[in-house]
Protein backbone atom coordinates (compact mmCIF):
# COMPACT_ATOMS: atom_id res chain seq x y z
CA MET A 1 18.27 244.21 107.18
CA ASP A 2 20.92 246.22 109.02
CA PHE A 3 20.48 249.05 106.50
CA ILE A 4 16.75 249.19 107.16
CA ARG A 5 17.24 249.18 110.93
CA GLY A 6 19.87 251.90 110.57
CA ALA A 7 17.60 253.96 108.33
CA GLY A 8 14.76 253.52 110.82
CA ILE A 9 16.93 254.93 113.60
CA VAL A 10 17.81 257.98 111.50
CA LEU A 11 14.14 258.52 110.62
CA PHE A 12 13.20 258.14 114.30
CA TYR A 13 15.55 260.92 115.37
CA LEU A 14 14.93 263.24 112.41
CA LEU A 15 11.16 262.94 112.68
CA SER A 16 10.52 266.68 112.77
CA LEU A 17 12.64 267.59 109.73
CA PRO A 18 11.47 267.30 106.14
CA PRO A 19 11.93 265.11 104.12
CA PHE A 20 12.61 262.67 106.97
CA SER A 21 9.19 263.23 108.53
CA ALA A 22 7.44 262.05 105.34
CA GLU A 23 9.74 259.03 105.07
CA ASN A 24 9.14 258.18 108.74
CA GLN A 25 5.40 258.36 108.14
CA LYS A 26 5.73 255.97 105.18
CA LEU A 27 7.80 253.58 107.29
CA GLN A 28 5.07 253.58 109.98
CA GLY A 29 2.30 252.72 107.50
CA GLY A 30 1.06 256.27 106.95
CA HIS A 31 0.96 257.45 110.56
CA PHE A 32 3.38 258.26 113.35
CA ASP A 33 3.43 255.72 116.14
CA ARG A 34 7.01 255.92 117.39
CA LEU A 35 7.83 259.48 118.38
CA PHE A 36 11.17 260.90 119.42
CA ASN A 37 10.06 263.48 121.92
CA SER A 38 12.24 262.95 124.99
CA ILE A 39 15.99 262.47 125.44
CA ARG A 40 15.36 260.83 128.83
CA ASP A 41 12.75 258.37 127.59
CA THR A 42 14.83 257.44 124.54
CA TRP A 43 17.92 256.91 126.70
CA LEU A 44 16.03 254.76 129.20
CA SER A 45 14.61 252.61 126.42
CA ALA A 46 17.86 252.22 124.48
CA SER A 47 19.96 251.60 127.59
CA GLY A 48 17.92 248.51 128.41
CA LYS A 49 16.18 250.06 131.40
CA GLY A 50 12.86 250.40 129.57
CA ASN A 51 13.02 248.07 126.60
CA THR A 52 15.65 245.37 126.23
CA SER A 53 15.04 245.03 122.49
CA ASP A 54 15.54 248.73 121.68
CA VAL A 55 18.84 249.37 119.94
CA LYS A 56 19.74 252.92 118.96
CA LYS A 57 22.92 254.71 118.02
CA LEU A 58 23.56 258.42 118.15
CA ILE A 59 23.51 260.04 114.75
CA PRO A 60 25.90 262.88 113.79
CA GLU A 61 23.13 265.48 114.20
CA PHE A 62 23.45 265.06 117.99
CA PHE A 63 26.76 266.89 117.71
CA TYR A 64 26.04 269.76 115.33
CA MET A 65 22.35 270.29 114.41
CA PRO A 66 20.08 271.66 117.16
CA GLU A 67 17.18 272.07 114.71
CA PHE A 68 16.43 268.34 114.72
CA LEU A 69 15.35 268.68 118.35
CA GLU A 70 12.70 271.28 117.50
CA ASN A 71 9.32 270.83 115.82
CA ARG A 72 9.77 274.03 113.79
CA PHE A 73 7.29 272.95 111.13
CA ASN A 74 4.55 272.10 113.67
CA PHE A 75 3.96 268.71 112.10
CA ASP A 76 0.87 266.88 113.24
CA LEU A 77 2.57 263.76 114.53
CA GLY A 78 -0.64 262.04 115.59
CA GLU A 79 -0.50 263.73 118.95
CA LYS A 80 0.46 267.17 120.17
CA VAL A 81 4.24 267.16 120.18
CA GLY A 82 6.46 270.19 120.48
CA ASP A 83 10.21 270.25 120.80
CA VAL A 84 12.09 267.25 122.20
CA PHE A 85 12.22 267.27 126.01
CA LEU A 86 15.83 267.88 127.01
CA PRO A 87 17.73 266.94 130.18
CA PRO A 88 17.82 269.60 132.92
CA TRP A 89 21.50 270.42 132.26
CA ALA A 90 20.53 271.73 128.79
CA ARG A 91 18.46 274.47 130.50
CA GLY A 92 15.77 274.23 127.81
CA SER A 93 18.20 275.18 125.06
CA VAL A 94 18.74 272.90 122.06
CA ARG A 95 21.94 274.81 121.33
CA GLN A 96 23.24 274.18 124.86
CA PHE A 97 22.37 270.49 124.46
CA ILE A 98 24.33 270.22 121.18
CA ARG A 99 27.26 272.26 122.56
CA LYS A 100 27.57 269.95 125.59
CA HIS A 101 27.34 266.86 123.40
CA ARG A 102 30.09 268.22 121.17
CA GLU A 103 32.25 269.03 124.20
CA ALA A 104 31.78 265.50 125.53
CA LEU A 105 32.71 264.03 122.15
CA GLU A 106 35.88 266.08 121.97
CA CYS A 107 36.99 265.77 125.61
CA ASP A 108 39.92 263.71 126.86
CA TYR A 109 37.82 261.68 129.32
CA ALA A 110 38.58 257.99 128.80
CA ALA A 111 35.65 256.07 127.33
CA GLU A 112 37.01 252.80 128.71
CA LYS A 113 36.72 254.06 132.29
CA ALA A 114 33.08 254.99 131.66
CA VAL A 115 32.36 251.64 129.94
CA ASN A 116 31.24 253.68 126.94
CA VAL A 117 32.76 251.57 124.19
CA PHE A 118 31.55 249.28 121.44
CA TYR A 119 32.15 245.54 121.27
CA HIS A 120 35.83 245.01 120.43
CA TYR A 121 35.15 243.23 117.11
CA THR A 122 33.58 246.39 115.71
CA TYR A 123 36.80 248.42 115.89
CA GLU A 124 38.61 248.53 112.56
CA GLY A 125 41.78 246.43 112.55
CA ASN A 126 41.03 244.90 115.95
CA VAL A 127 40.52 241.40 114.58
CA ASP A 128 42.00 239.67 111.55
CA VAL A 129 39.02 237.65 110.32
CA ASP A 130 41.20 235.63 107.95
CA ALA A 131 43.40 234.51 110.84
CA VAL A 132 40.47 233.03 112.82
CA THR A 133 40.65 229.27 112.24
CA ASP A 134 37.70 228.03 114.29
CA PRO A 135 34.71 228.07 111.88
CA ALA A 136 32.16 228.81 114.64
CA MET A 137 34.26 231.66 116.03
CA LYS A 138 34.87 233.04 112.52
CA ALA A 139 31.12 232.96 111.78
CA SER A 140 30.47 234.72 115.10
CA VAL A 141 33.00 237.48 114.39
CA ILE A 142 31.65 238.04 110.86
CA ALA A 143 28.07 238.12 112.14
CA GLN A 144 29.03 240.66 114.82
CA ILE A 145 30.64 242.94 112.25
CA ASN A 146 27.81 242.50 109.73
CA HIS A 147 25.04 243.19 112.23
CA PHE A 148 26.63 246.01 114.15
CA GLY A 149 29.02 247.54 111.63
CA GLN A 150 32.44 248.93 112.26
CA THR A 151 33.20 251.78 114.58
CA SER A 152 34.56 254.82 112.76
CA LYS A 153 38.15 255.84 113.43
CA GLN A 154 37.04 259.45 113.46
CA LEU A 155 33.61 261.11 113.39
CA PHE A 156 34.51 264.51 112.02
């Protein structure tokens, strides 16, 4: 189930790029009903401010591929949708948006101070599952890792 949810997130973000658009359409029963068309709206939903059940992760394309934010192929997505609406600091430029995301990823600013970290069980080597003796706690740790994966040591 985690694979399907993860694949759904990728398809959500890459909606305007073939072959992902066709796969997204298949996933939605032949039509598009969940559109990625606004950074702000997606952030508000995923951050719990708009929808407490929405869980999304950033995909690598947020750091290197501006084309995924454009509807270059003018797909009919069930409603008139152009490029993804960007935050004001991007100044309408998908390249500026990606450049700033990449800079943020590579900066020295401490994620802990910004409370921008994953749950501690998801970090590789942070917990020795075999050393957990309480069966309920062990099941909880394993479930956490299985459902949310492990955080990569390095993205690029």
